[in-house]
Amino acid sequence: MGKPHKYAWNGVDIETTLSIEQVANMAQRAAQESTGDLLKGKQRVVTTRSGDRQIEFRINDYLISFSKLMVFFLDFEERPGATFASTRIEWYLTNQQTVGGFIPVSTKRMVAHHTYLQFVRNLGDQVRAADPSARVHLREGTEPADPGTPAAGNETSSPGPMYAAVPPPPPPPPAPGDQRVPEPPRPPAYSPSIQAAVALPSMPPETVPPAPAALLGMVTGVPGYTRSPEPPTTSSPAPSGTARQEPVGPPVHPDDDDVEATRRAGTGNAVRWAMELPDGRTIEIRKTTVVGRNPSPPADAPGAVTVSLADDTKSVSKTHAMVQVRDALVWITDLHSTNGTVLTNPAGESLATHAGNPTPAGEGWQVAFGDFAVKLKGN
C-alpha cells in the first residue's frame, strides 16, 4: 500500500582488519553513547538479541522503556584478512502532523532516526580510530536514483576535495569581416490563381441609385407574386383558472402506482472487514466494536459490541480501543490506553495513533493494541 520511508536505507558499511568481536564491542559502546537529544527526543539503544554473525538492536523511549521506536540489525561477514559489517533498519515508527486526526499537513518523520544516526556515526568513528586503514561508508539522506551518485547528506571515510564549479567562457565575438547584413524579408509566395487575381485591375463598384425615402421601410409585396390567402383560424378562449400541464408522452413506468415515492439506491457489495487474531481466529467487524482485556462500551457508543482479547503479557488495557467501519475503511480510535495503539501498513511503516482521534487503516494493515497485534482483512 505504501512505500518505505526515504531514510529507511540509511546505515553504515564497514570494511576493516579488526575482528568481529572487536567491532561488536565497539557497537555495544556506541549503543550506550547514543541517547538522542532534547530537541528531537531522548531515547536509548539496547541489545535484544546477539549471535555470531548478527546483533539485533532496539531503540526505545528514554523514560518509557517498553515503547519501541525502531529495530535495526548489525550484520557481520568475515573474509580472509578483512571483516565486513553493515547496519540495516528492520522496523521503525513514524509520526505525522494531522488535522482532525486523519488529514496530513506534514511529511512523515521517522521518530528514532536521529538516535540511529548517532549510533552509526559513533560506531564509524571508533572503527576509524582503531584501524586508520578501515573503509567506513555512511549512508545518509535520501537514496540516490543512480547508484554512482552520492546521496544528499551522504558522508564517506575519505571525502575528496571540493572544487567550485567554473562557468564556461563566453563565445568569442565575431570577426569584423564576418559580419553579415541581414537579408530583407521576402514577399510571401502565392499560387498562380491568386497571383492572377492580384494582377487584375480592380473593378469599379456597380453604381446603385439610392431608393426613394418613401420606399424605405417594411417590404409589403413583390412585383409579379401573388400571395395566396390563408384559411381563417379560430382561437378558443383561454379557460379560467390555472392551466394544467398535460404529459408529453406515455409514462415511463405505467405500473408505478406512486411516482412520488423514491427508493434509496443500494450501495452495492460493501466490504466486509474482520480482525485476524494471532491464533488464526477471525472476528468480523459488523458494527462499532470495543476491544480490550475486559472492555465496556464508552459513553458515546453505548451500543458497541465488546470483544475481549486474551493477552498474557497484560499490555492491553481493560478498555483499549474502538474499531469502526465507514467509507470502506476501518477506523481505529485509541481510548486513552496505557501502551497505546500502533498501525503498520504492508510496507512496514508504523504510525502511533493519538488517543481520541480516529485513524484509518486498510487491507493487510497490522493493528497493535499494546503488544497484542491483529491483522485487518477485507472481503
Protein backbone atom coordinates (compact mmCIF):
# COMPACT_ATOMS: atom_id res chain seq x y z
CA MET A 1 0.00 0.00 0.00
CA GLY A 2 2.79 2.39 0.79
CA LYS A 3 6.48 2.69 0.12
CA PRO A 4 9.34 2.69 2.68
CA HIS A 5 10.44 5.93 4.27
CA LYS A 6 13.05 7.91 2.34
CA TYR A 7 15.56 7.38 5.19
CA ALA A 8 14.91 3.63 5.60
CA TRP A 9 18.08 2.81 3.62
CA ASN A 10 20.38 4.78 5.97
CA GLY A 11 23.16 2.97 7.79
CA VAL A 12 26.90 2.27 7.75
CA ASP A 13 29.11 -0.14 5.77
CA ILE A 14 32.49 -1.05 7.28
CA GLU A 15 35.49 -2.95 5.92
CA THR A 16 38.27 -3.37 8.48
CA THR A 17 41.05 -5.67 9.62
CA LEU A 18 39.58 -5.78 13.13
CA SER A 19 37.88 -8.96 14.29
CA ILE A 20 34.13 -9.43 14.63
CA GLU A 21 34.46 -9.43 18.43
CA GLN A 22 36.23 -6.07 18.39
CA VAL A 23 33.60 -4.45 16.15
CA ALA A 24 30.80 -5.99 18.26
CA ASN A 25 32.28 -4.48 21.44
CA MET A 26 32.54 -1.10 19.72
CA ALA A 27 28.86 -1.41 18.72
CA GLN A 28 27.85 -2.01 22.34
CA ARG A 29 29.78 1.10 23.37
CA ALA A 30 28.18 3.11 20.54
CA ALA A 31 24.75 1.98 21.74
CA GLN A 32 25.46 3.32 25.25
CA GLU A 33 26.65 6.67 23.89
CA SER A 34 23.66 7.19 21.54
CA THR A 35 20.82 8.71 23.58
CA GLY A 36 19.21 11.19 21.17
CA ASP A 37 18.79 14.83 22.15
CA LEU A 38 16.31 17.09 23.91
CA LEU A 39 15.12 18.74 20.70
CA LYS A 40 14.11 15.58 18.79
CA GLY A 41 13.67 13.28 21.78
CA LYS A 42 15.73 11.41 24.36
CA GLN A 43 15.98 7.70 23.56
CA ARG A 44 18.14 4.70 24.35
CA VAL A 45 19.62 1.87 22.25
CA VAL A 46 19.50 -1.63 23.76
CA THR A 47 20.58 -5.07 22.56
CA THR A 48 17.71 -7.55 22.26
CA ARG A 49 19.48 -10.49 20.57
CA SER A 50 23.08 -11.34 19.74
CA GLY A 51 24.64 -14.07 17.61
CA ASP A 52 27.89 -14.94 15.84
CA ARG A 53 27.04 -13.01 12.67
CA GLN A 54 24.26 -10.63 13.76
CA ILE A 55 23.26 -8.31 16.59
CA GLU A 56 19.71 -7.00 16.95
CA PHE A 57 19.30 -3.55 18.46
CA ARG A 58 16.16 -1.79 19.59
CA ILE A 59 15.63 1.93 20.15
CA ASN A 60 13.17 2.67 22.95
CA ASP A 61 11.86 5.80 24.57
CA TYR A 62 14.23 7.06 27.25
CA LEU A 63 11.60 7.18 30.01
CA ILE A 64 9.13 4.52 28.83
CA SER A 65 11.42 1.56 28.22
CA PHE A 66 8.75 -0.66 26.62
CA SER A 67 7.82 1.97 23.99
CA LYS A 68 9.53 0.55 20.87
CA LEU A 69 10.53 3.12 18.23
CA MET A 70 12.93 1.25 15.90
CA VAL A 71 14.55 -2.16 15.34
CA PHE A 72 17.78 -2.49 13.35
CA PHE A 73 20.47 -5.16 12.78
CA LEU A 74 24.25 -5.14 12.62
CA ASP A 75 25.34 -7.93 10.25
CA PHE A 76 28.90 -9.33 10.08
CA GLU A 77 30.78 -11.19 7.37
CA GLU A 78 34.30 -12.46 7.82
CA ARG A 79 36.67 -12.98 4.90
CA PRO A 80 40.40 -13.73 4.78
CA GLY A 81 42.15 -10.67 6.17
CA ALA A 82 39.02 -8.49 6.44
CA THR A 83 35.80 -8.12 8.38
CA PHE A 84 32.69 -6.58 6.86
CA ALA A 85 29.92 -5.04 8.97
CA SER A 86 26.72 -3.35 7.85
CA THR A 87 23.60 -1.98 9.55
CA ARG A 88 20.03 -2.13 8.21
CA ILE A 89 16.71 -0.88 9.58
CA GLU A 90 14.15 -3.64 10.07
CA TRP A 91 11.20 -1.78 11.66
CA TYR A 92 10.53 1.83 12.54
CA LEU A 93 7.83 4.10 13.89
CA THR A 94 6.76 7.31 12.12
CA ASN A 95 4.57 10.22 13.11
CA GLN A 96 2.85 12.92 11.08
CA GLN A 97 1.04 16.11 11.93
CA THR A 98 -2.63 15.91 11.02
CA VAL A 99 -5.77 18.00 11.20
CA GLY A 100 -8.79 16.25 12.62
CA GLY A 101 -6.76 13.12 13.23
CA PHE A 102 -6.53 11.95 9.61
CA ILE A 103 -5.81 14.91 7.25
CA PRO A 104 -1.97 15.09 6.90
CA VAL A 105 -0.39 18.55 6.94
CA SER A 106 3.29 17.49 7.04
CA THR A 107 5.58 14.74 5.79
CA LYS A 108 6.12 11.56 7.77
CA ARG A 109 9.02 11.70 10.24
CA MET A 110 10.98 8.68 11.41
CA VAL A 111 10.84 9.06 15.19
CA ALA A 112 14.18 7.46 16.15
CA HIS A 113 16.16 8.43 13.04
CA HIS A 114 18.41 10.92 14.85
CA THR A 115 19.38 8.37 17.51
CA TYR A 116 20.08 5.75 14.83
CA LEU A 117 22.42 8.16 13.02
CA GLN A 118 24.20 8.84 16.31
CA PHE A 119 24.82 5.10 16.65
CA VAL A 120 26.24 4.58 13.13
CA ARG A 121 28.44 7.68 13.41
CA ASN A 122 29.79 6.64 16.82
CA LEU A 123 30.49 3.14 15.50
CA GLY A 124 32.24 4.52 12.42
CA ASP A 125 34.40 6.89 14.50
CA GLN A 126 35.51 4.07 16.81
CA VAL A 127 36.47 1.82 13.89
CA ARG A 128 38.46 4.62 12.24
CA ALA A 129 40.29 5.34 15.49
CA ALA A 130 41.25 1.67 15.98
CA ASP A 131 42.01 0.94 12.31
CA PRO A 132 43.07 4.00 10.26
CA SER A 133 43.06 1.90 7.09
CA ALA A 134 39.41 0.88 7.54
CA ARG A 135 36.87 1.85 4.92
CA VAL A 136 33.74 3.34 6.51
CA HIS A 137 30.83 4.48 4.38
CA LEU A 138 27.84 6.24 5.97
CA ARG A 139 24.54 6.01 4.12
CA GLU A 140 22.65 9.18 4.96
CA GLY A 141 19.97 11.33 3.36
CA THR A 142 17.70 10.13 0.58
CA GLU A 143 18.70 7.18 -1.59
CA PRO A 144 20.05 8.36 -4.97
CA ALA A 145 18.41 7.13 -8.15
CA ASP A 146 21.85 6.47 -9.70
CA PRO A 147 23.99 4.14 -7.54
CA GLY A 148 27.10 6.08 -8.59
CA THR A 149 25.71 9.41 -7.41
CA PRO A 150 26.20 10.21 -3.71
CA ALA A 151 23.01 10.84 -1.76
CA ALA A 152 22.10 14.18 -0.25
CA GLY A 153 23.84 14.43 3.11
CA ASN A 154 25.96 11.31 2.47
CA GLU A 155 29.42 11.10 4.07
CA THR A 156 32.31 8.75 3.37
CA SER A 157 35.52 7.97 5.21
CA SER A 158 37.71 9.78 2.68
CA PRO A 159 35.88 12.76 1.25
CA GLY A 160 37.62 14.28 -1.76
CA PRO A 161 38.46 17.97 -2.16
CA MET A 162 35.61 20.25 -3.11
CA TYR A 163 36.09 22.40 -6.19
CA ALA A 164 33.90 25.31 -7.18
CA ALA A 165 32.21 24.89 -10.50
CA VAL A 166 33.76 27.18 -13.12
CA PRO A 167 31.29 28.57 -15.67
CA PRO A 168 32.20 28.00 -19.33
CA PRO A 169 33.83 31.00 -21.11
CA PRO A 170 31.52 33.11 -23.26
CA PRO A 171 31.74 32.58 -27.04
CA PRO A 172 34.21 34.87 -28.85
CA PRO A 173 32.75 37.87 -30.68
CA PRO A 174 32.54 37.55 -34.49
CA ALA A 175 35.40 38.96 -36.59
CA PRO A 176 34.80 42.29 -38.37
CA GLY A 177 34.94 40.63 -41.76
CA ASP A 178 32.35 38.02 -40.75
CA GLN A 179 29.61 40.49 -40.00
CA ARG A 180 26.70 39.89 -42.32
CA VAL A 181 23.90 42.24 -43.20
CA PRO A 182 20.54 40.57 -42.58
CA GLU A 183 18.58 39.95 -45.75
CA PRO A 184 15.30 41.83 -46.18
CA PRO A 185 12.20 39.71 -45.72
CA ARG A 186 10.97 38.06 -48.88
CA PRO A 187 7.39 38.63 -50.07
CA PRO A 188 5.08 35.69 -49.48
CA ALA A 189 4.69 33.25 -52.35
CA TYR A 190 1.20 32.92 -53.82
CA SER A 191 -0.30 30.27 -56.04
CA PRO A 192 -0.75 31.15 -59.80
CA SER A 193 -4.50 31.64 -59.39
CA ILE A 194 -4.02 34.03 -56.50
CA GLN A 195 -1.24 35.88 -58.36
CA ALA A 196 -3.55 36.29 -61.39
CA ALA A 197 -6.30 37.62 -59.19
CA VAL A 198 -3.91 40.06 -57.62
CA ALA A 199 -2.66 41.20 -61.05
CA LEU A 200 -6.17 42.02 -62.35
CA PRO A 201 -7.11 45.68 -62.06
CA SER A 202 -9.71 46.46 -59.50
CA MET A 203 -13.19 46.87 -61.00
CA PRO A 204 -15.19 49.92 -60.05
CA PRO A 205 -18.15 49.11 -57.86
CA GLU A 206 -21.56 48.97 -59.56
CA THR A 207 -23.45 52.17 -59.07
CA VAL A 208 -26.85 51.57 -57.49
CA PRO A 209 -29.23 54.51 -57.28
CA PRO A 210 -30.44 55.23 -53.81
CA ALA A 211 -34.01 54.23 -53.01
CA PRO A 212 -36.58 56.95 -52.52
CA ALA A 213 -37.26 57.98 -48.98
CA ALA A 214 -40.91 56.88 -49.28
CA LEU A 215 -39.90 53.29 -50.06
CA LEU A 216 -37.65 52.91 -47.08
CA GLY A 217 -39.44 50.69 -44.59
CA MET A 218 -41.04 47.25 -44.42
CA VAL A 219 -41.45 45.25 -47.66
CA THR A 220 -45.15 44.58 -48.22
CA GLY A 221 -45.10 42.92 -51.62
CA VAL A 222 -43.05 41.68 -54.53
CA PRO A 223 -43.98 42.62 -58.12
CA GLY A 224 -45.28 39.63 -60.11
CA TYR A 225 -46.01 37.50 -56.99
CA THR A 226 -49.50 36.98 -55.62
CA ARG A 227 -49.84 35.70 -52.05
CA SER A 228 -52.48 33.02 -51.51
CA PRO A 229 -54.95 33.80 -48.73
CA GLU A 230 -54.54 31.80 -45.52
CA PRO A 231 -57.50 29.96 -44.01
CA PRO A 232 -59.02 31.74 -41.02
CA THR A 233 -58.07 30.43 -37.62
CA THR A 234 -60.48 30.21 -34.76
CA SER A 235 -58.99 31.00 -31.41
CA SER A 236 -60.58 29.33 -28.42
CA PRO A 237 -60.92 31.40 -25.30
CA ALA A 238 -58.44 30.63 -22.55
CA PRO A 239 -60.04 28.67 -19.69
CA SER A 240 -60.39 30.43 -16.42
CA GLY A 241 -58.07 29.48 -13.60
CA THR A 242 -54.66 27.85 -13.75
CA ALA A 243 -53.86 25.80 -16.85
CA ARG A 244 -52.99 22.16 -16.23
CA GLN A 245 -49.90 20.84 -17.99
CA GLU A 246 -50.57 17.59 -19.81
CA PRO A 247 -47.86 14.91 -20.06
CA VAL A 248 -45.90 14.94 -23.31
CA GLY A 249 -45.67 11.18 -23.73
CA PRO A 250 -46.71 7.97 -22.06
CA PRO A 251 -45.43 7.39 -18.53
CA VAL A 252 -42.07 5.71 -18.23
CA HIS A 253 -43.38 3.24 -15.65
CA PRO A 254 -47.11 2.69 -16.35
CA ASP A 255 -47.42 0.22 -13.47
CA ASP A 256 -45.89 2.56 -10.90
CA ASP A 257 -48.75 3.45 -8.56
CA ASP A 258 -46.84 6.03 -6.51
CA VAL A 259 -44.46 8.06 -8.67
CA GLU A 260 -43.68 10.41 -5.81
CA ALA A 261 -42.16 7.68 -3.63
CA THR A 262 -38.39 7.44 -4.18
CA ARG A 263 -36.45 4.37 -3.14
CA ARG A 264 -32.87 4.73 -1.87
CA ALA A 265 -30.41 3.03 -4.21
CA GLY A 266 -28.33 0.21 -2.83
CA THR A 267 -24.64 0.66 -2.08
CA GLY A 268 -23.54 -2.46 -3.94
CA ASN A 269 -21.29 -5.10 -2.46
CA ALA A 270 -19.90 -3.49 0.69
CA VAL A 271 -16.54 -4.64 2.01
CA ARG A 272 -16.84 -6.97 4.99
CA TRP A 273 -13.99 -6.42 7.44
CA ALA A 274 -12.57 -8.78 10.03
CA MET A 275 -9.69 -8.89 12.53
CA GLU A 276 -7.39 -11.90 12.37
CA LEU A 277 -6.08 -12.82 15.83
CA PRO A 278 -2.58 -14.28 16.45
CA ASP A 279 -4.07 -17.77 16.89
CA GLY A 280 -5.70 -17.61 13.43
CA ARG A 281 -9.27 -16.94 14.56
CA THR A 282 -11.14 -14.03 12.93
CA ILE A 283 -13.59 -11.58 14.46
CA GLU A 284 -15.97 -9.94 12.00
CA ILE A 285 -16.47 -6.19 12.37
CA ARG A 286 -20.13 -5.52 11.61
CA LYS A 287 -20.75 -2.54 13.88
CA THR A 288 -18.84 -0.41 16.34
CA THR A 289 -16.58 -2.74 18.34
CA VAL A 290 -14.64 -2.06 21.55
CA VAL A 291 -11.61 -4.27 22.31
CA GLY A 292 -9.63 -4.79 25.50
CA ARG A 293 -8.93 -7.29 28.23
CA ASN A 294 -12.39 -6.71 29.77
CA PRO A 295 -13.90 -3.87 27.72
CA SER A 296 -17.03 -1.87 28.35
CA PRO A 297 -18.78 0.41 25.82
CA PRO A 298 -17.85 4.10 26.09
CA ALA A 299 -20.41 6.79 26.86
CA ASP A 300 -20.56 7.99 23.24
CA ALA A 301 -21.17 4.44 21.90
CA PRO A 302 -23.37 2.63 24.42
CA GLY A 303 -24.49 0.01 21.85
CA ALA A 304 -20.98 -1.04 20.83
CA VAL A 305 -20.01 -4.70 20.68
CA THR A 306 -17.32 -5.70 23.18
CA VAL A 307 -14.52 -8.15 22.30
CA SER A 308 -12.15 -9.45 24.99
CA LEU A 309 -8.53 -10.09 23.97
CA ALA A 310 -6.62 -12.82 25.81
CA ASP A 311 -3.30 -11.05 26.43
CA ASP A 312 -0.97 -12.94 28.77
CA THR A 313 1.51 -10.04 28.91
CA LYS A 314 -1.25 -7.64 30.06
CA SER A 315 -0.09 -4.96 27.64
CA VAL A 316 -3.71 -4.49 26.52
CA SER A 317 -5.74 -2.10 28.65
CA LYS A 318 -9.12 -3.05 30.09
CA THR A 319 -10.91 -0.87 27.53
CA HIS A 320 -8.20 -0.31 24.92
CA ALA A 321 -9.60 0.89 21.57
CA MET A 322 -12.71 1.27 19.44
CA VAL A 323 -12.96 -0.18 15.91
CA GLN A 324 -15.46 1.19 13.37
CA VAL A 325 -16.15 0.65 9.66
CA ARG A 326 -17.13 3.60 7.49
CA ASP A 327 -16.30 4.84 4.00
CA ALA A 328 -14.98 1.35 3.09
CA LEU A 329 -12.16 1.67 5.65
CA VAL A 330 -11.54 0.58 9.22
CA TRP A 331 -11.14 3.42 11.71
CA ILE A 332 -9.20 2.79 14.92
CA THR A 333 -9.67 5.07 17.94
CA ASP A 334 -7.40 4.61 20.94
CA LEU A 335 -9.42 5.07 24.14
CA HIS A 336 -6.56 6.54 26.21
CA SER A 337 -4.91 3.16 26.76
CA THR A 338 -1.71 2.74 28.75
CA ASN A 339 0.52 1.30 25.99
CA GLY A 340 -1.17 2.95 23.00
CA THR A 341 -2.23 1.65 19.59
CA VAL A 342 0.17 1.40 16.61
CA LEU A 343 -0.84 0.88 12.96
CA THR A 344 1.61 -0.72 10.50
CA ASN A 345 0.95 -0.79 6.74
CA PRO A 346 2.10 -3.64 4.45
CA ALA A 347 5.27 -1.68 3.56
CA GLY A 348 6.41 -1.76 7.20
CA GLU A 349 5.70 1.88 8.09
CA SER A 350 4.21 2.31 11.56
CA LEU A 351 2.11 5.13 12.92
CA ALA A 352 1.17 5.68 16.55
CA THR A 353 -2.43 6.81 16.90
CA HIS A 354 -3.46 9.77 19.03
CA ALA A 355 -5.89 8.99 21.82
CA GLY A 356 -9.43 10.00 20.94
CA ASN A 357 -8.69 10.64 17.21
CA PRO A 358 -9.92 8.02 14.69
CA THR A 359 -7.18 6.81 12.33
CA PRO A 360 -8.00 4.95 9.06
CA ALA A 361 -6.48 1.59 8.13
CA GLY A 362 -6.90 -0.73 5.17
CA GLU A 363 -6.42 -4.24 3.84
CA GLY A 364 -3.40 -6.06 5.28
CA TRP A 365 -2.68 -3.47 7.97
CA GLN A 366 -1.49 -4.64 11.36
CA VAL A 367 -3.03 -3.10 14.46
CA ALA A 368 -1.05 -3.49 17.71
CA PHE A 369 -3.05 -2.98 20.89
CA GLY A 370 -0.01 -2.74 23.15
CA ASP A 371 1.94 -5.91 22.27
CA PHE A 372 -1.19 -7.75 21.04
CA ALA A 373 -1.23 -7.48 17.22
CA VAL A 374 -4.15 -8.28 14.91
CA LYS A 375 -4.38 -8.09 11.11
CA LEU A 376 -7.20 -6.46 9.14
CA LYS A 377 -8.77 -8.45 6.32
CA GLY A 378 -11.45 -7.29 3.89
CA ASN A 379 -13.52 -9.41 1.52
